[in-house]
Structure formats: C-alpha cells, structure tokens
Amino acid sequence: MKVDSRNSSYARPRGHRLTAEQRAQFARERRALVGKIISQEGFQGALVVEHIRGSQYLLRMPDGTEVFASHKKQKGVVNGPLTSAGWSLWEERGRRR
C-alpha cells in the first residue's frame, strides 16, 4: 500500500509501520500544540504546557492547577493559536498482561 507522507491525518491500518517521514511529521504536529490555548468545553482557557509522550500532555488550567491530558488528533481541523477538540483527562489504567 502506498502512503502519501504529506497527509498527516492518515489513519494507518494495524500492523503497518510508519515511515520516517510520517514519524517526523507527527512529532512536529505534537510539538506544535505546546503553547496553545484550549477552547474545548471543560478545558476552556487551559494552556498546553508540555508534550509528555505520544498523545499525553501537561495542561495548566485557568485556576493554575496542572493536569495530565490526552489529545486525539482531529482529521481536517486546522487550528491557529487555539486547539478546540480531542482533549480528555489522562486515565490511569492497569497494565495489560
């Protein structure tokens, strides 16, 4: 299967590895979220402070508290200084066996 590495919203089928170009593009997209303000309901006014790993980020809420959250990329959504969707609090889960 040929993949256009310029299409960052490509959803890869399970078992297919990312190309080096795709990995680099996705890393740039994750870093670009740092410093943005979130406008999504429940997170309004939160600042993305740090990218932790994968889809996990540290956010500073408007009241000054810091929380960990996950972000799911939104297909076809271009954000300026705000990010508006895909955020949820980071859930602690037990290890899979």
N, C-alpha and C. Protein backbone atom coordinates (compact mmCIF):
# COMPACT_ATOMS: atom_id res chain seq x y z
N MET A 1 0.83 -1.16 0.00
CA MET A 1 0.00 0.00 0.00
C MET A 1 0.89 1.24 0.00
N LYS A 2 0.67 2.17 -0.91
CA LYS A 2 1.44 3.39 -0.98
C LYS A 2 0.76 4.46 -0.13
N VAL A 3 1.56 5.14 0.67
CA VAL A 3 1.04 6.14 1.59
C VAL A 3 1.66 7.49 1.25
N ASP A 4 0.83 8.52 1.17
CA ASP A 4 1.32 9.86 0.95
C ASP A 4 1.74 10.43 2.30
N SER A 5 3.05 10.57 2.52
CA SER A 5 3.57 11.00 3.82
C SER A 5 3.21 12.46 4.13
N ARG A 6 2.75 13.22 3.16
CA ARG A 6 2.35 14.61 3.41
C ARG A 6 0.97 14.68 4.05
N ASN A 7 0.20 13.59 4.00
CA ASN A 7 -1.14 13.58 4.57
C ASN A 7 -1.04 13.18 6.03
N SER A 8 -1.02 14.15 6.95
CA SER A 8 -0.79 13.86 8.36
C SER A 8 -1.98 13.22 9.04
N SER A 9 -3.16 13.25 8.42
CA SER A 9 -4.33 12.65 9.06
C SER A 9 -4.54 11.20 8.61
N TYR A 10 -3.55 10.62 7.96
CA TYR A 10 -3.65 9.25 7.50
C TYR A 10 -3.81 8.31 8.69
N ALA A 11 -4.85 7.50 8.64
CA ALA A 11 -5.07 6.51 9.70
C ALA A 11 -4.50 5.19 9.20
N ARG A 12 -3.40 4.77 9.78
CA ARG A 12 -2.74 3.56 9.30
C ARG A 12 -3.43 2.32 9.83
N PRO A 13 -3.56 1.30 8.99
CA PRO A 13 -4.13 0.05 9.46
C PRO A 13 -3.22 -0.59 10.49
N ARG A 14 -3.80 -1.37 11.38
CA ARG A 14 -2.99 -2.05 12.41
C ARG A 14 -1.93 -2.91 11.75
N GLY A 15 -0.74 -2.90 12.34
CA GLY A 15 0.33 -3.73 11.83
C GLY A 15 1.21 -3.06 10.79
N HIS A 16 0.82 -1.91 10.28
CA HIS A 16 1.65 -1.19 9.31
C HIS A 16 2.51 -0.18 10.05
N ARG A 17 3.78 -0.18 9.73
CA ARG A 17 4.71 0.74 10.39
C ARG A 17 4.67 2.10 9.72
N LEU A 18 4.96 3.10 10.52
CA LEU A 18 5.06 4.46 9.99
C LEU A 18 6.39 4.62 9.28
N THR A 19 6.40 5.46 8.27
CA THR A 19 7.66 5.79 7.61
C THR A 19 8.39 6.83 8.46
N ALA A 20 9.65 7.02 8.19
CA ALA A 20 10.42 8.04 8.91
C ALA A 20 9.80 9.42 8.71
N GLU A 21 9.34 9.69 7.50
CA GLU A 21 8.72 10.98 7.21
C GLU A 21 7.44 11.17 8.02
N GLN A 22 6.62 10.11 8.13
CA GLN A 22 5.39 10.21 8.90
C GLN A 22 5.70 10.44 10.38
N ARG A 23 6.67 9.71 10.92
CA ARG A 23 7.06 9.88 12.32
C ARG A 23 7.49 11.33 12.59
N ALA A 24 8.30 11.88 11.69
CA ALA A 24 8.78 13.25 11.85
C ALA A 24 7.62 14.24 11.78
N GLN A 25 6.71 14.05 10.84
CA GLN A 25 5.56 14.94 10.70
C GLN A 25 4.67 14.89 11.94
N PHE A 26 4.38 13.70 12.44
CA PHE A 26 3.53 13.56 13.62
C PHE A 26 4.20 14.18 14.84
N ALA A 27 5.52 14.04 14.97
CA ALA A 27 6.25 14.65 16.08
C ALA A 27 6.15 16.18 16.00
N ARG A 28 6.27 16.74 14.80
CA ARG A 28 6.14 18.19 14.62
C ARG A 28 4.74 18.65 15.02
N GLU A 29 3.72 17.86 14.64
CA GLU A 29 2.34 18.21 14.98
C GLU A 29 2.12 18.19 16.49
N ARG A 30 2.72 17.22 17.18
CA ARG A 30 2.58 17.15 18.64
C ARG A 30 3.28 18.34 19.31
N ARG A 31 4.48 18.66 18.86
CA ARG A 31 5.21 19.80 19.43
C ARG A 31 4.48 21.11 19.18
N ALA A 32 3.79 21.22 18.05
CA ALA A 32 3.08 22.46 17.70
C ALA A 32 1.94 22.77 18.66
N LEU A 33 1.43 21.77 19.38
CA LEU A 33 0.34 22.01 20.33
C LEU A 33 0.82 22.71 21.59
N VAL A 34 2.10 22.58 21.93
CA VAL A 34 2.64 23.21 23.15
C VAL A 34 2.55 24.73 22.99
N GLY A 35 1.99 25.38 24.02
CA GLY A 35 1.82 26.83 23.99
C GLY A 35 0.45 27.28 23.52
N LYS A 36 -0.37 26.35 23.05
CA LYS A 36 -1.70 26.72 22.57
C LYS A 36 -2.70 26.75 23.73
N ILE A 37 -3.76 27.51 23.53
CA ILE A 37 -4.85 27.60 24.48
C ILE A 37 -5.98 26.69 23.98
N ILE A 38 -6.61 25.98 24.91
CA ILE A 38 -7.67 25.05 24.55
C ILE A 38 -9.03 25.75 24.69
N SER A 39 -9.88 25.60 23.67
CA SER A 39 -11.21 26.20 23.70
C SER A 39 -12.31 25.15 23.83
N GLN A 40 -11.95 23.89 23.98
CA GLN A 40 -12.92 22.80 24.10
C GLN A 40 -13.66 22.90 25.43
N GLU A 41 -14.95 22.59 25.42
CA GLU A 41 -15.76 22.61 26.64
C GLU A 41 -15.11 21.72 27.71
N GLY A 42 -15.04 22.24 28.92
CA GLY A 42 -14.42 21.52 30.02
C GLY A 42 -12.94 21.82 30.18
N PHE A 43 -12.33 22.38 29.13
CA PHE A 43 -10.90 22.72 29.17
C PHE A 43 -10.67 24.19 28.78
N GLN A 44 -11.76 24.98 28.66
CA GLN A 44 -11.64 26.35 28.16
C GLN A 44 -10.58 27.14 28.93
N GLY A 45 -9.68 27.73 28.18
CA GLY A 45 -8.65 28.58 28.76
C GLY A 45 -7.42 27.84 29.26
N ALA A 46 -7.40 26.51 29.16
CA ALA A 46 -6.23 25.76 29.60
C ALA A 46 -5.09 25.96 28.61
N LEU A 47 -3.87 25.98 29.13
CA LEU A 47 -2.67 26.15 28.31
C LEU A 47 -1.96 24.81 28.20
N VAL A 48 -1.55 24.44 26.99
CA VAL A 48 -0.76 23.22 26.79
C VAL A 48 0.68 23.58 27.17
N VAL A 49 1.14 23.03 28.30
CA VAL A 49 2.44 23.38 28.85
C VAL A 49 3.56 22.52 28.27
N GLU A 50 3.30 21.21 28.13
CA GLU A 50 4.38 20.30 27.76
C GLU A 50 3.82 19.05 27.09
N HIS A 51 4.53 18.56 26.07
CA HIS A 51 4.23 17.25 25.49
C HIS A 51 4.99 16.22 26.30
N ILE A 52 4.29 15.21 26.81
CA ILE A 52 4.92 14.19 27.64
C ILE A 52 5.42 13.04 26.77
N ARG A 53 4.48 12.33 26.16
CA ARG A 53 4.82 11.19 25.31
C ARG A 53 3.58 10.78 24.53
N GLY A 54 3.78 10.46 23.26
CA GLY A 54 2.63 10.03 22.46
C GLY A 54 1.56 11.09 22.43
N SER A 55 0.36 10.75 22.89
CA SER A 55 -0.75 11.71 22.89
C SER A 55 -0.94 12.38 24.24
N GLN A 56 0.03 12.25 25.13
CA GLN A 56 -0.13 12.74 26.50
C GLN A 56 0.59 14.08 26.71
N TYR A 57 -0.14 15.00 27.37
CA TYR A 57 0.34 16.37 27.56
C TYR A 57 0.09 16.83 28.99
N LEU A 58 0.85 17.84 29.42
CA LEU A 58 0.62 18.52 30.68
C LEU A 58 -0.09 19.83 30.35
N LEU A 59 -1.22 20.08 31.03
CA LEU A 59 -2.00 21.30 30.82
C LEU A 59 -2.03 22.12 32.09
N ARG A 60 -2.06 23.45 31.94
CA ARG A 60 -2.27 24.34 33.08
C ARG A 60 -3.68 24.92 32.91
N MET A 61 -4.53 24.58 33.86
CA MET A 61 -5.92 25.03 33.83
C MET A 61 -5.98 26.51 34.21
N PRO A 62 -7.09 27.19 33.88
CA PRO A 62 -7.20 28.62 34.19
C PRO A 62 -7.03 28.96 35.68
N ASP A 63 -7.35 28.00 36.57
CA ASP A 63 -7.20 28.26 38.01
C ASP A 63 -5.77 28.02 38.50
N GLY A 64 -4.86 27.64 37.59
CA GLY A 64 -3.45 27.45 37.93
C GLY A 64 -3.06 26.01 38.21
N THR A 65 -4.03 25.12 38.37
CA THR A 65 -3.69 23.71 38.60
C THR A 65 -3.17 23.09 37.32
N GLU A 66 -2.31 22.10 37.47
CA GLU A 66 -1.78 21.39 36.31
C GLU A 66 -2.36 19.98 36.29
N VAL A 67 -2.82 19.56 35.12
CA VAL A 67 -3.40 18.23 34.94
C VAL A 67 -2.78 17.56 33.73
N PHE A 68 -2.84 16.25 33.72
CA PHE A 68 -2.37 15.49 32.56
C PHE A 68 -3.58 15.17 31.69
N ALA A 69 -3.41 15.28 30.39
CA ALA A 69 -4.50 15.02 29.47
C ALA A 69 -3.97 14.33 28.21
N SER A 70 -4.90 13.70 27.51
CA SER A 70 -4.58 13.06 26.24
C SER A 70 -5.26 13.86 25.13
N HIS A 71 -4.64 13.84 23.97
CA HIS A 71 -5.21 14.54 22.82
C HIS A 71 -5.32 13.59 21.64
N LYS A 72 -6.50 13.50 21.08
CA LYS A 72 -6.71 12.71 19.87
C LYS A 72 -6.78 13.69 18.70
N LYS A 73 -5.93 13.46 17.69
CA LYS A 73 -5.90 14.36 16.54
C LYS A 73 -7.25 14.39 15.86
N GLN A 74 -7.62 15.56 15.39
CA GLN A 74 -8.88 15.75 14.68
C GLN A 74 -8.59 15.86 13.19
N LYS A 75 -9.22 15.00 12.42
CA LYS A 75 -8.98 15.00 10.97
C LYS A 75 -9.55 16.26 10.33
N GLY A 76 -8.75 16.88 9.51
CA GLY A 76 -9.20 18.02 8.72
C GLY A 76 -9.41 19.30 9.50
N VAL A 77 -9.00 19.35 10.77
CA VAL A 77 -9.17 20.56 11.57
C VAL A 77 -7.84 21.29 11.62
N VAL A 78 -7.86 22.54 11.17
CA VAL A 78 -6.65 23.36 11.22
C VAL A 78 -6.85 24.36 12.35
N ASN A 79 -5.96 24.35 13.32
CA ASN A 79 -6.06 25.25 14.46
C ASN A 79 -4.99 26.33 14.36
N GLY A 80 -5.37 27.54 14.75
CA GLY A 80 -4.40 28.64 14.85
C GLY A 80 -3.80 28.60 16.25
N PRO A 81 -3.95 29.70 16.99
CA PRO A 81 -3.40 29.75 18.35
C PRO A 81 -4.24 28.96 19.35
N LEU A 82 -5.42 28.49 18.92
CA LEU A 82 -6.30 27.71 19.79
C LEU A 82 -6.36 26.27 19.30
N THR A 83 -6.64 25.36 20.22
CA THR A 83 -6.94 23.98 19.86
C THR A 83 -8.32 23.71 20.44
N SER A 84 -9.22 23.15 19.64
CA SER A 84 -10.63 23.16 20.03
C SER A 84 -11.26 21.80 20.30
N ALA A 85 -10.59 20.71 20.04
CA ALA A 85 -11.25 19.41 20.22
C ALA A 85 -10.23 18.30 20.43
N GLY A 86 -10.72 17.17 20.94
CA GLY A 86 -9.90 15.98 21.07
C GLY A 86 -9.25 15.78 22.43
N TRP A 87 -9.55 16.64 23.42
CA TRP A 87 -8.90 16.58 24.72
C TRP A 87 -9.70 15.77 25.72
N SER A 88 -9.02 14.97 26.53
CA SER A 88 -9.65 14.25 27.64
C SER A 88 -8.61 14.09 28.75
N LEU A 89 -9.10 14.02 30.01
CA LEU A 89 -8.17 13.83 31.11
C LEU A 89 -7.47 12.50 30.96
N TRP A 90 -6.23 12.46 31.36
CA TRP A 90 -5.40 11.27 31.25
C TRP A 90 -5.88 10.24 32.25
N GLU A 91 -6.23 9.07 31.78
CA GLU A 91 -6.73 7.99 32.63
C GLU A 91 -5.61 7.06 33.04
N GLU A 92 -5.55 6.75 34.31
CA GLU A 92 -4.60 5.75 34.79
C GLU A 92 -5.24 4.38 34.59
N ARG A 93 -4.59 3.53 33.87
CA ARG A 93 -5.11 2.19 33.62
C ARG A 93 -4.10 1.17 34.09
N GLY A 94 -4.60 0.00 34.48
CA GLY A 94 -3.70 -1.08 34.86
C GLY A 94 -2.95 -1.60 33.66
N ARG A 95 -1.82 -2.25 33.91
CA ARG A 95 -1.03 -2.81 32.82
C ARG A 95 -1.74 -4.00 32.18
N ARG A 96 -1.60 -4.10 30.88
CA ARG A 96 -2.14 -5.26 30.16
C ARG A 96 -1.20 -6.44 30.37
N ARG A 97 -1.77 -7.61 30.40
CA ARG A 97 -0.94 -8.81 30.55
C ARG A 97 -0.99 -9.64 29.32
